[in-house]
Amino acid sequence: MRILRLTLHHIRRSPFQSLIAFLTVFVSFFIINSFIFINRGLSNVLNYFETKPEITIFLKDGLDQAAVESIQGELATYPDIKEIRYISKEKALSLYKDINKDNPLLTEMVTASILPASFEVSTYNPKVLEVIAQNFSAKNDVVDEIIYQKDVIQSLLSWTLVVRRSGIALISLFISISFVMILTLIGMKITNRKEEIKISRLLGASKFYVKRPFLMEGVIYGLIGSFFGFILSYVLIYNFRSPLNVFFQPIVFIPEISLFEPILLAAEILIGVLIGLSASWFGARRYIKW
């Protein structure tokens, strides 16, 4: 308790410096946590679309059942296959009529015989689609046409990589900013109290004893800043949960509250405390040499 009272006394003696340290950690964790929530939502979007890309293989007319089953069996041998859907001529007609149900003129002259049968293949790994496209494009005896939006697949893969790398870079940047700011402010506070520290050392106080208030001060900045940074970002994100989920339908951009949030809060508080403690320790070690 005594060390805590002394630490709070140090904080009150230089309120503006303390406020700057707190705000630095608070803003850093607010941005970090907001990005984590947003990146979680974007990951849901990207994961949804990563499994949505599919290839459509239109078959030539006149294939018998054995040939269709042979093609389906070959498609099933590829890795990371999510689903293989066979669309018969009759099913294609049903889908066509359903899509154009509000425009009967487009359905009057269309029959099942003029629509091609096809396979729609979706995968967990979009890269597999390119392999399927290359292999089946050479089967001119059974394949009439292949529809494969390669550019869309590549864009999704690129954006996935960019989002994840940006997250790592952003988190690293703001953790570094918090660390440097606390280290600098602790160093300034130690310099301002160097006479007090010298007197304490002359009276027999150990180095660790005079360092403790500054170490505790760094811990308080990290603890309070990370906690309130999480709370504010959490409140804002979940305040916009409904409109965000409506906008991204059918994807759940912000899911229901689960164990993820308390675990994330505990992890961020731990990281905040470690940042504050390590920064103040380096600052105390650097400036308390007497």
C-alpha atoms as a PDB file:
ATOM      1  CA  MET A   1       0.000   0.000   0.000  1.00  0.00           C
ATOM      2  CA  ARG A   2       2.834   2.365   0.816  1.00  0.00           C
ATOM      3  CA  ILE A   3       4.430   1.912  -2.585  1.00  0.00           C
ATOM      4  CA  LEU A   4       1.053   2.510  -4.223  1.00  0.00           C
ATOM      5  CA  ARG A   5       0.494   5.721  -2.257  1.00  0.00           C
ATOM      6  CA  LEU A   6       3.975   6.918  -3.205  1.00  0.00           C
ATOM      7  CA  THR A   7       3.323   6.102  -6.860  1.00  0.00           C
ATOM      8  CA  LEU A   8       0.026   7.983  -6.861  1.00  0.00           C
ATOM      9  CA  HIS A   9       1.824  10.886  -5.204  1.00  0.00           C
ATOM     10  CA  HIS A  10       4.345  10.921  -8.067  1.00  0.00           C
ATOM     11  CA  ILE A  11       1.509  10.889 -10.582  1.00  0.00           C
ATOM     12  CA  ARG A  12      -0.281  13.795  -8.870  1.00  0.00           C
ATOM     13  CA  ARG A  13       2.926  15.843  -8.710  1.00  0.00           C
ATOM     14  CA  SER A  14       3.223  15.857 -12.500  1.00  0.00           C
ATOM     15  CA  PRO A  15      -0.370  15.509 -13.725  1.00  0.00           C
ATOM     16  CA  PHE A  16       0.228  16.706 -17.284  1.00  0.00           C
ATOM     17  CA  GLN A  17       3.060  14.262 -17.932  1.00  0.00           C
ATOM     18  CA  SER A  18       0.991  11.483 -16.376  1.00  0.00           C
ATOM     19  CA  LEU A  19      -1.993  12.437 -18.504  1.00  0.00           C
ATOM     20  CA  ILE A  20       0.125  12.317 -21.660  1.00  0.00           C
ATOM     21  CA  ALA A  21       1.396   8.833 -20.759  1.00  0.00           C
ATOM     22  CA  PHE A  22      -2.110   7.602 -20.017  1.00  0.00           C
ATOM     23  CA  LEU A  23      -3.571   9.102 -23.194  1.00  0.00           C
ATOM     24  CA  THR A  24      -0.770   7.606 -25.300  1.00  0.00           C
ATOM     25  CA  VAL A  25      -1.486   4.111 -24.007  1.00  0.00           C
ATOM     26  CA  PHE A  26      -5.243   4.705 -24.150  1.00  0.00           C
ATOM     27  CA  VAL A  27      -5.220   5.900 -27.770  1.00  0.00           C
ATOM     28  CA  SER A  28      -2.811   3.141 -28.798  1.00  0.00           C
ATOM     29  CA  PHE A  29      -4.966   0.392 -27.334  1.00  0.00           C
ATOM     30  CA  PHE A  30      -8.141   2.016 -28.610  1.00  0.00           C
ATOM     31  CA  ILE A  31      -6.761   1.928 -32.141  1.00  0.00           C
ATOM     32  CA  ILE A  32      -5.284  -1.555 -31.706  1.00  0.00           C
ATOM     33  CA  ASN A  33      -8.493  -2.962 -30.280  1.00  0.00           C
ATOM     34  CA  SER A  34     -10.673  -1.240 -32.871  1.00  0.00           C
ATOM     35  CA  PHE A  35      -8.499  -2.731 -35.586  1.00  0.00           C
ATOM     36  CA  ILE A  36      -8.742  -6.183 -33.985  1.00  0.00           C
ATOM     37  CA  PHE A  37     -12.552  -5.988 -34.003  1.00  0.00           C
ATOM     38  CA  ILE A  38     -12.647  -4.603 -37.536  1.00  0.00           C
ATOM     39  CA  ASN A  39     -10.056  -7.097 -38.749  1.00  0.00           C
ATOM     40  CA  ARG A  40     -12.103  -9.878 -37.151  1.00  0.00           C
ATOM     41  CA  GLY A  41     -15.106  -8.714 -39.147  1.00  0.00           C
ATOM     42  CA  LEU A  42     -13.087  -8.362 -42.335  1.00  0.00           C
ATOM     43  CA  SER A  43     -11.671 -11.835 -41.774  1.00  0.00           C
ATOM     44  CA  ASN A  44     -15.238 -13.138 -41.601  1.00  0.00           C
ATOM     45  CA  VAL A  45     -15.959 -11.375 -44.899  1.00  0.00           C
ATOM     46  CA  LEU A  46     -12.786 -12.663 -46.522  1.00  0.00           C
ATOM     47  CA  ASN A  47     -13.287 -16.189 -45.211  1.00  0.00           C
ATOM     48  CA  TYR A  48     -16.823 -16.135 -46.551  1.00  0.00           C
ATOM     49  CA  PHE A  49     -15.698 -15.066 -50.003  1.00  0.00           C
ATOM     50  CA  GLU A  50     -12.644 -17.325 -49.978  1.00  0.00           C
ATOM     51  CA  THR A  51     -14.989 -20.295 -49.831  1.00  0.00           C
ATOM     52  CA  LYS A  52     -17.542 -18.770 -52.206  1.00  0.00           C
ATOM     53  CA  PRO A  53     -15.469 -18.601 -55.404  1.00  0.00           C
ATOM     54  CA  GLU A  54     -16.467 -21.388 -57.694  1.00  0.00           C
ATOM     55  CA  ILE A  55     -15.981 -22.653 -61.168  1.00  0.00           C
ATOM     56  CA  THR A  56     -18.816 -23.566 -63.494  1.00  0.00           C
ATOM     57  CA  ILE A  57     -18.139 -26.283 -66.050  1.00  0.00           C
ATOM     58  CA  PHE A  58     -20.768 -26.435 -68.809  1.00  0.00           C
ATOM     59  CA  LEU A  59     -21.077 -29.846 -70.394  1.00  0.00           C
ATOM     60  CA  LYS A  60     -21.658 -30.713 -74.033  1.00  0.00           C
ATOM     61  CA  ASP A  61     -25.050 -32.014 -75.030  1.00  0.00           C
ATOM     62  CA  GLY A  62     -25.551 -35.718 -75.499  1.00  0.00           C
ATOM     63  CA  LEU A  63     -23.395 -37.015 -72.632  1.00  0.00           C
ATOM     64  CA  ASP A  64     -24.705 -40.183 -71.038  1.00  0.00           C
ATOM     65  CA  GLN A  65     -25.021 -40.801 -67.301  1.00  0.00           C
ATOM     66  CA  ALA A  66     -21.727 -42.710 -67.166  1.00  0.00           C
ATOM     67  CA  ALA A  67     -19.810 -39.757 -68.644  1.00  0.00           C
ATOM     68  CA  VAL A  68     -21.424 -37.317 -66.182  1.00  0.00           C
ATOM     69  CA  GLU A  69     -20.578 -39.580 -63.243  1.00  0.00           C
ATOM     70  CA  SER A  70     -17.011 -39.936 -64.511  1.00  0.00           C
ATOM     71  CA  ILE A  71     -16.568 -36.148 -64.577  1.00  0.00           C
ATOM     72  CA  GLN A  72     -18.035 -35.829 -61.082  1.00  0.00           C
ATOM     73  CA  GLY A  73     -15.723 -38.551 -59.812  1.00  0.00           C
ATOM     74  CA  GLU A  74     -12.702 -36.813 -61.299  1.00  0.00           C
ATOM     75  CA  LEU A  75     -13.692 -33.487 -59.702  1.00  0.00           C
ATOM     76  CA  ALA A  76     -14.003 -35.197 -56.323  1.00  0.00           C
ATOM     77  CA  THR A  77     -10.323 -36.235 -56.464  1.00  0.00           C
ATOM     78  CA  TYR A  78      -9.092 -32.639 -56.169  1.00  0.00           C
ATOM     79  CA  PRO A  79      -8.047 -31.429 -52.692  1.00  0.00           C
ATOM     80  CA  ASP A  80     -10.018 -28.899 -50.599  1.00  0.00           C
ATOM     81  CA  ILE A  81     -13.268 -29.493 -52.463  1.00  0.00           C
ATOM     82  CA  LYS A  82     -16.169 -27.981 -50.543  1.00  0.00           C
ATOM     83  CA  GLU A  83     -19.081 -28.915 -52.765  1.00  0.00           C
ATOM     84  CA  ILE A  84     -19.790 -30.310 -56.217  1.00  0.00           C
ATOM     85  CA  ARG A  85     -23.256 -29.496 -57.555  1.00  0.00           C
ATOM     86  CA  TYR A  86     -24.589 -31.088 -60.712  1.00  0.00           C
ATOM     87  CA  ILE A  87     -27.106 -28.835 -62.494  1.00  0.00           C
ATOM     88  CA  SER A  88     -29.136 -30.876 -64.933  1.00  0.00           C
ATOM     89  CA  LYS A  89     -30.960 -29.336 -67.877  1.00  0.00           C
ATOM     90  CA  GLU A  90     -34.227 -29.517 -65.963  1.00  0.00           C
ATOM     91  CA  LYS A  91     -32.672 -27.920 -62.878  1.00  0.00           C
ATOM     92  CA  ALA A  92     -31.108 -25.204 -65.041  1.00  0.00           C
ATOM     93  CA  LEU A  93     -34.548 -24.437 -66.490  1.00  0.00           C
ATOM     94  CA  SER A  94     -36.053 -24.247 -62.998  1.00  0.00           C
ATOM     95  CA  LEU A  95     -33.327 -21.836 -61.857  1.00  0.00           C
ATOM     96  CA  TYR A  96     -33.736 -19.749 -65.002  1.00  0.00           C
ATOM     97  CA  LYS A  97     -37.483 -19.430 -64.477  1.00  0.00           C
ATOM     98  CA  ASP A  98     -37.001 -18.551 -60.828  1.00  0.00           C
ATOM     99  CA  ILE A  99     -34.531 -15.789 -61.672  1.00  0.00           C
ATOM    100  CA  ASN A 100     -36.817 -14.346 -64.377  1.00  0.00           C
ATOM    101  CA  LYS A 101     -40.161 -14.979 -62.683  1.00  0.00           C
ATOM    102  CA  ASP A 102     -41.042 -11.298 -62.882  1.00  0.00           C
ATOM    103  CA  ASN A 103     -40.504 -11.252 -66.640  1.00  0.00           C
ATOM    104  CA  PRO A 104     -42.594 -14.043 -68.234  1.00  0.00           C
ATOM    105  CA  LEU A 105     -41.580 -13.006 -71.756  1.00  0.00           C
ATOM    106  CA  LEU A 106     -38.070 -14.323 -71.050  1.00  0.00           C
ATOM    107  CA  THR A 107     -39.340 -17.735 -70.000  1.00  0.00           C
ATOM    108  CA  GLU A 108     -42.004 -18.522 -72.584  1.00  0.00           C
ATOM    109  CA  MET A 109     -39.691 -19.706 -75.352  1.00  0.00           C
ATOM    110  CA  VAL A 110     -37.035 -21.331 -73.145  1.00  0.00           C
ATOM    111  CA  THR A 111     -37.020 -25.120 -72.712  1.00  0.00           C
ATOM    112  CA  ALA A 112     -34.734 -27.494 -70.891  1.00  0.00           C
ATOM    113  CA  SER A 113     -33.304 -28.818 -74.150  1.00  0.00           C
ATOM    114  CA  ILE A 114     -31.579 -25.557 -75.042  1.00  0.00           C
ATOM    115  CA  LEU A 115     -29.932 -25.101 -71.632  1.00  0.00           C
ATOM    116  CA  PRO A 116     -26.649 -26.897 -70.901  1.00  0.00           C
ATOM    117  CA  ALA A 117     -26.055 -29.171 -67.943  1.00  0.00           C
ATOM    118  CA  SER A 118     -23.191 -28.086 -65.719  1.00  0.00           C
ATOM    119  CA  PHE A 119     -21.108 -28.685 -62.632  1.00  0.00           C
ATOM    120  CA  GLU A 120     -20.640 -25.931 -60.062  1.00  0.00           C
ATOM    121  CA  VAL A 121     -17.576 -26.577 -57.920  1.00  0.00           C
ATOM    122  CA  SER A 122     -16.701 -24.608 -54.793  1.00  0.00           C
ATOM    123  CA  THR A 123     -13.536 -25.111 -52.754  1.00  0.00           C
ATOM    124  CA  TYR A 124     -11.999 -24.142 -49.439  1.00  0.00           C
ATOM    125  CA  ASN A 125      -8.818 -23.132 -51.241  1.00  0.00           C
ATOM    126  CA  PRO A 126      -9.366 -20.802 -54.235  1.00  0.00           C
ATOM    127  CA  LYS A 127      -6.027 -21.853 -55.758  1.00  0.00           C
ATOM    128  CA  VAL A 128      -7.495 -25.268 -56.512  1.00  0.00           C
ATOM    129  CA  LEU A 129      -9.978 -23.651 -58.896  1.00  0.00           C
ATOM    130  CA  GLU A 130      -7.201 -22.547 -61.220  1.00  0.00           C
ATOM    131  CA  VAL A 131      -5.879 -26.106 -61.419  1.00  0.00           C
ATOM    132  CA  ILE A 132      -9.364 -27.416 -62.221  1.00  0.00           C
ATOM    133  CA  ALA A 133      -9.831 -24.738 -64.883  1.00  0.00           C
ATOM    134  CA  GLN A 134      -6.543 -25.599 -66.573  1.00  0.00           C
ATOM    135  CA  ASN A 135      -7.164 -29.344 -66.561  1.00  0.00           C
ATOM    136  CA  PHE A 136     -10.783 -29.272 -67.766  1.00  0.00           C
ATOM    137  CA  SER A 137     -10.222 -26.620 -70.445  1.00  0.00           C
ATOM    138  CA  ALA A 138      -8.390 -29.304 -72.421  1.00  0.00           C
ATOM    139  CA  LYS A 139     -11.341 -31.747 -72.300  1.00  0.00           C
ATOM    140  CA  ASN A 140     -13.070 -30.418 -75.412  1.00  0.00           C
ATOM    141  CA  ASP A 141     -14.917 -33.692 -75.953  1.00  0.00           C
ATOM    142  CA  VAL A 142     -17.051 -33.301 -72.815  1.00  0.00           C
ATOM    143  CA  VAL A 143     -16.647 -29.644 -71.785  1.00  0.00           C
ATOM    144  CA  ASP A 144     -18.381 -26.896 -73.709  1.00  0.00           C
ATOM    145  CA  GLU A 145     -17.327 -23.856 -71.657  1.00  0.00           C
ATOM    146  CA  ILE A 146     -15.722 -22.971 -68.331  1.00  0.00           C
ATOM    147  CA  ILE A 147     -16.610 -19.873 -66.342  1.00  0.00           C
ATOM    148  CA  TYR A 148     -13.918 -18.980 -63.839  1.00  0.00           C
ATOM    149  CA  GLN A 149     -13.407 -15.462 -62.522  1.00  0.00           C
ATOM    150  CA  LYS A 150      -9.690 -15.693 -61.954  1.00  0.00           C
ATOM    151  CA  ASP A 151      -9.195 -11.959 -61.364  1.00  0.00           C
ATOM    152  CA  VAL A 152     -11.778 -11.957 -58.587  1.00  0.00           C
ATOM    153  CA  ILE A 153     -10.063 -14.900 -56.902  1.00  0.00           C
ATOM    154  CA  GLN A 154      -6.659 -13.214 -57.094  1.00  0.00           C
ATOM    155  CA  SER A 155      -8.070  -9.967 -55.709  1.00  0.00           C
ATOM    156  CA  LEU A 156      -9.578 -11.792 -52.739  1.00  0.00           C
ATOM    157  CA  LEU A 157      -6.306 -13.553 -52.002  1.00  0.00           C
ATOM    158  CA  SER A 158      -4.358 -10.275 -52.288  1.00  0.00           C
ATOM    159  CA  TRP A 159      -6.738  -8.396 -49.995  1.00  0.00           C
ATOM    160  CA  THR A 160      -6.577 -11.202 -47.443  1.00  0.00           C
ATOM    161  CA  LEU A 161      -2.802 -10.894 -47.319  1.00  0.00           C
ATOM    162  CA  VAL A 162      -2.868  -7.077 -47.173  1.00  0.00           C
ATOM    163  CA  VAL A 163      -5.375  -6.972 -44.309  1.00  0.00           C
ATOM    164  CA  ARG A 164      -3.449  -9.450 -42.195  1.00  0.00           C
ATOM    165  CA  ARG A 165      -0.054  -7.829 -42.792  1.00  0.00           C
ATOM    166  CA  SER A 166      -1.473  -4.369 -42.103  1.00  0.00           C
ATOM    167  CA  GLY A 167      -2.845  -5.585 -38.786  1.00  0.00           C
ATOM    168  CA  ILE A 168       0.526  -6.917 -37.652  1.00  0.00           C
ATOM    169  CA  ALA A 169       2.279  -3.696 -38.733  1.00  0.00           C
ATOM    170  CA  LEU A 170      -0.288  -1.442 -37.035  1.00  0.00           C
ATOM    171  CA  ILE A 171      -0.224  -3.335 -33.746  1.00  0.00           C
ATOM    172  CA  SER A 172       3.585  -3.337 -33.719  1.00  0.00           C
ATOM    173  CA  LEU A 173       3.676   0.406 -34.441  1.00  0.00           C
ATOM    174  CA  PHE A 174       1.362   1.468 -31.622  1.00  0.00           C
ATOM    175  CA  ILE A 175       2.920  -0.872 -29.082  1.00  0.00           C
ATOM    176  CA  SER A 176       6.271   0.718 -29.938  1.00  0.00           C
ATOM    177  CA  ILE A 177       4.802   4.232 -29.579  1.00  0.00           C
ATOM    178  CA  SER A 178       3.405   3.404 -26.127  1.00  0.00           C
ATOM    179  CA  PHE A 179       6.695   1.883 -25.039  1.00  0.00           C
ATOM    180  CA  VAL A 180       8.812   4.839 -26.168  1.00  0.00           C
ATOM    181  CA  MET A 181       6.412   7.405 -24.666  1.00  0.00           C
ATOM    182  CA  ILE A 182       6.338   5.758 -21.236  1.00  0.00           C
ATOM    183  CA  LEU A 183      10.115   5.282 -21.275  1.00  0.00           C
ATOM    184  CA  THR A 184      10.639   8.951 -22.148  1.00  0.00           C
ATOM    185  CA  LEU A 185       8.214  10.287 -19.530  1.00  0.00           C
ATOM    186  CA  ILE A 186       9.599   8.047 -16.786  1.00  0.00           C
ATOM    187  CA  GLY A 187      13.055   9.272 -17.706  1.00  0.00           C
ATOM    188  CA  MET A 188      11.885  12.890 -17.429  1.00  0.00           C
ATOM    189  CA  LYS A 189      10.296  12.235 -14.040  1.00  0.00           C
ATOM    190  CA  ILE A 190      13.434  10.571 -12.736  1.00  0.00           C
ATOM    191  CA  THR A 191      15.528  13.504 -13.943  1.00  0.00           C
ATOM    192  CA  ASN A 192      13.195  15.958 -12.198  1.00  0.00           C
ATOM    193  CA  ARG A 193      13.543  14.026  -8.927  1.00  0.00           C
ATOM    194  CA  LYS A 194      17.204  13.168  -9.090  1.00  0.00           C
ATOM    195  CA  GLU A 195      17.984  15.135  -5.910  1.00  0.00           C
ATOM    196  CA  GLU A 196      15.302  13.235  -3.987  1.00  0.00           C
ATOM    197  CA  ILE A 197      16.663   9.939  -5.317  1.00  0.00           C
ATOM    198  CA  LYS A 198      20.224  10.882  -4.350  1.00  0.00           C
ATOM    199  CA  ILE A 199      19.126  11.736  -0.819  1.00  0.00           C
ATOM    200  CA  SER A 200      17.239   8.451  -0.524  1.00  0.00           C
ATOM    201  CA  ARG A 201      20.311   6.560  -1.712  1.00  0.00           C
ATOM    202  CA  LEU A 202      22.528   8.403   0.821  1.00  0.00           C
ATOM    203  CA  LEU A 203      20.081   7.406   3.556  1.00  0.00           C
ATOM    204  CA  GLY A 204      20.543   3.760   2.641  1.00  0.00           C
ATOM    205  CA  ALA A 205      17.718   3.080   0.180  1.00  0.00           C
ATOM    206  CA  SER A 206      18.539   0.443  -2.433  1.00  0.00           C
ATOM    207  CA  LYS A 207      18.310   1.092  -6.140  1.00  0.00           C
ATOM    208  CA  PHE A 208      15.318  -1.181  -6.410  1.00  0.00           C
ATOM    209  CA  TYR A 209      13.571   0.712  -3.607  1.00  0.00           C
ATOM    210  CA  VAL A 210      13.842   4.052  -5.404  1.00  0.00           C
ATOM    211  CA  LYS A 211      12.911   2.427  -8.719  1.00  0.00           C
ATOM    212  CA  ARG A 212       9.723   0.801  -7.426  1.00  0.00           C
ATOM    213  CA  PRO A 213       7.439   3.867  -7.629  1.00  0.00           C
ATOM    214  CA  PHE A 214       8.476   4.453 -11.254  1.00  0.00           C
ATOM    215  CA  LEU A 215       7.968   0.788 -12.126  1.00  0.00           C
ATOM    216  CA  MET A 216       4.534   0.866 -10.504  1.00  0.00           C
ATOM    217  CA  GLU A 217       3.743   4.080 -12.368  1.00  0.00           C
ATOM    218  CA  GLY A 218       4.453   2.403 -15.701  1.00  0.00           C
ATOM    219  CA  VAL A 219       2.257  -0.538 -14.706  1.00  0.00           C
ATOM    220  CA  ILE A 220      -0.613   1.833 -13.823  1.00  0.00           C
ATOM    221  CA  TYR A 221      -0.358   3.610 -17.185  1.00  0.00           C
ATOM    222  CA  GLY A 222      -0.411   0.289 -19.039  1.00  0.00           C
ATOM    223  CA  LEU A 223      -3.217  -1.159 -16.922  1.00  0.00           C
ATOM    224  CA  ILE A 224      -5.589   1.812 -17.004  1.00  0.00           C
ATOM    225  CA  GLY A 225      -4.808   2.846 -20.578  1.00  0.00           C
ATOM    226  CA  SER A 226      -5.330  -0.640 -22.031  1.00  0.00           C
ATOM    227  CA  PHE A 227      -8.515  -1.199 -19.994  1.00  0.00           C
ATOM    228  CA  PHE A 228     -10.240   2.026 -21.013  1.00  0.00           C
ATOM    229  CA  GLY A 229      -8.958   1.760 -24.589  1.00  0.00           C
ATOM    230  CA  PHE A 230     -10.662  -1.634 -24.833  1.00  0.00           C
ATOM    231  CA  ILE A 231     -13.880  -0.430 -23.175  1.00  0.00           C
ATOM    232  CA  LEU A 232     -14.324   2.587 -25.455  1.00  0.00           C
ATOM    233  CA  SER A 233     -13.607   0.666 -28.670  1.00  0.00           C
ATOM    234  CA  TYR A 234     -15.852  -2.181 -27.487  1.00  0.00           C
ATOM    235  CA  VAL A 235     -18.752   0.189 -26.783  1.00  0.00           C
ATOM    236  CA  LEU A 236     -18.391   1.972 -30.127  1.00  0.00           C
ATOM    237  CA  ILE A 237     -18.047  -1.206 -32.175  1.00  0.00           C
ATOM    238  CA  TYR A 238     -21.014  -2.921 -30.574  1.00  0.00           C
ATOM    239  CA  ASN A 239     -23.080   0.247 -30.803  1.00  0.00           C
ATOM    240  CA  PHE A 240     -22.793  -0.090 -34.587  1.00  0.00           C
ATOM    241  CA  ARG A 241     -23.151  -3.887 -34.563  1.00  0.00           C
ATOM    242  CA  SER A 242     -26.663  -4.035 -36.036  1.00  0.00           C
ATOM    243  CA  PRO A 243     -26.131  -1.669 -38.994  1.00  0.00           C
ATOM    244  CA  LEU A 244     -22.799  -3.323 -39.792  1.00  0.00           C
ATOM    245  CA  ASN A 245     -24.317  -6.803 -39.803  1.00  0.00           C
ATOM    246  CA  VAL A 246     -27.214  -5.583 -41.940  1.00  0.00           C
ATOM    247  CA  PHE A 247     -24.783  -4.003 -44.408  1.00  0.00           C
ATOM    248  CA  PHE A 248     -22.671  -7.173 -44.701  1.00  0.00           C
ATOM    249  CA  GLN A 249     -25.564  -9.644 -44.859  1.00  0.00           C
ATOM    250  CA  PRO A 250     -25.472 -12.644 -44.934  1.00  0.00           C
ATOM    251  CA  ILE A 251     -22.063 -12.350 -43.270  1.00  0.00           C
ATOM    252  CA  VAL A 252     -21.988 -11.691 -39.527  1.00  0.00           C
ATOM    253  CA  PHE A 253     -19.447  -8.869 -39.335  1.00  0.00           C
ATOM    254  CA  ILE A 254     -19.707  -8.430 -35.543  1.00  0.00           C
ATOM    255  CA  PRO A 255     -20.783 -11.687 -33.884  1.00  0.00           C
ATOM    256  CA  GLU A 256     -22.544 -12.101 -30.570  1.00  0.00           C
ATOM    257  CA  ILE A 257     -20.562 -11.574 -27.375  1.00  0.00           C
ATOM    258  CA  SER A 258     -18.599 -14.701 -26.514  1.00  0.00           C
ATOM    259  CA  LEU A 259     -15.486 -15.757 -24.615  1.00  0.00           C
ATOM    260  CA  PHE A 260     -13.455 -13.904 -27.231  1.00  0.00           C
ATOM    261  CA  GLU A 261     -14.097 -10.482 -25.643  1.00  0.00           C
ATOM    262  CA  PRO A 262     -13.067 -11.246 -22.025  1.00  0.00           C
ATOM    263  CA  ILE A 263     -10.054 -13.218 -23.239  1.00  0.00           C
ATOM    264  CA  LEU A 264      -9.070 -10.311 -25.488  1.00  0.00           C
ATOM    265  CA  LEU A 265      -9.524  -7.844 -22.598  1.00  0.00           C
ATOM    266  CA  ALA A 266      -7.349  -9.966 -20.298  1.00  0.00           C
ATOM    267  CA  ALA A 267      -4.700 -10.317 -23.010  1.00  0.00           C
ATOM    268  CA  GLU A 268      -4.645  -6.577 -23.720  1.00  0.00           C
ATOM    269  CA  ILE A 269      -4.414  -5.684 -20.033  1.00  0.00           C
ATOM    270  CA  LEU A 270      -1.524  -8.120 -19.671  1.00  0.00           C
ATOM    271  CA  ILE A 271       0.203  -6.621 -22.713  1.00  0.00           C
ATOM    272  CA  GLY A 272      -0.440  -3.094 -21.412  1.00  0.00           C
ATOM    273  CA  VAL A 273       1.036  -3.970 -18.009  1.00  0.00           C
ATOM    274  CA  LEU A 274       4.069  -5.588 -19.652  1.00  0.00           C
ATOM    275  CA  ILE A 275       4.604  -2.553 -21.885  1.00  0.00           C
ATOM    276  CA  GLY A 276       4.352  -0.157 -18.949  1.00  0.00           C
ATOM    277  CA  LEU A 277       6.567  -2.286 -16.716  1.00  0.00           C
ATOM    278  CA  SER A 278       9.258  -2.913 -19.315  1.00  0.00           C
ATOM    279  CA  ALA A 279       9.319   0.732 -20.472  1.00  0.00           C
ATOM    280  CA  SER A 280       9.562   2.077 -16.919  1.00  0.00           C
ATOM    281  CA  TRP A 281      12.190  -0.546 -16.054  1.00  0.00           C
ATOM    282  CA  PHE A 282      14.372   0.484 -19.000  1.00  0.00           C
ATOM    283  CA  GLY A 283      13.827   4.142 -18.128  1.00  0.00           C
ATOM    284  CA  ALA A 284      14.721   3.603 -14.454  1.00  0.00           C
ATOM    285  CA  ARG A 285      17.749   1.512 -15.384  1.00  0.00           C
ATOM    286  CA  ARG A 286      18.958   4.163 -17.786  1.00  0.00           C
ATOM    287  CA  TYR A 287      18.534   7.215 -15.561  1.00  0.00           C
ATOM    288  CA  ILE A 288      19.036   5.915 -12.008  1.00  0.00           C
ATOM    289  CA  LYS A 289      22.783   5.323 -11.921  1.00  0.00           C
ATOM    290  CA  TRP A 290      23.618   6.806  -8.549  1.00  0.00           C
END
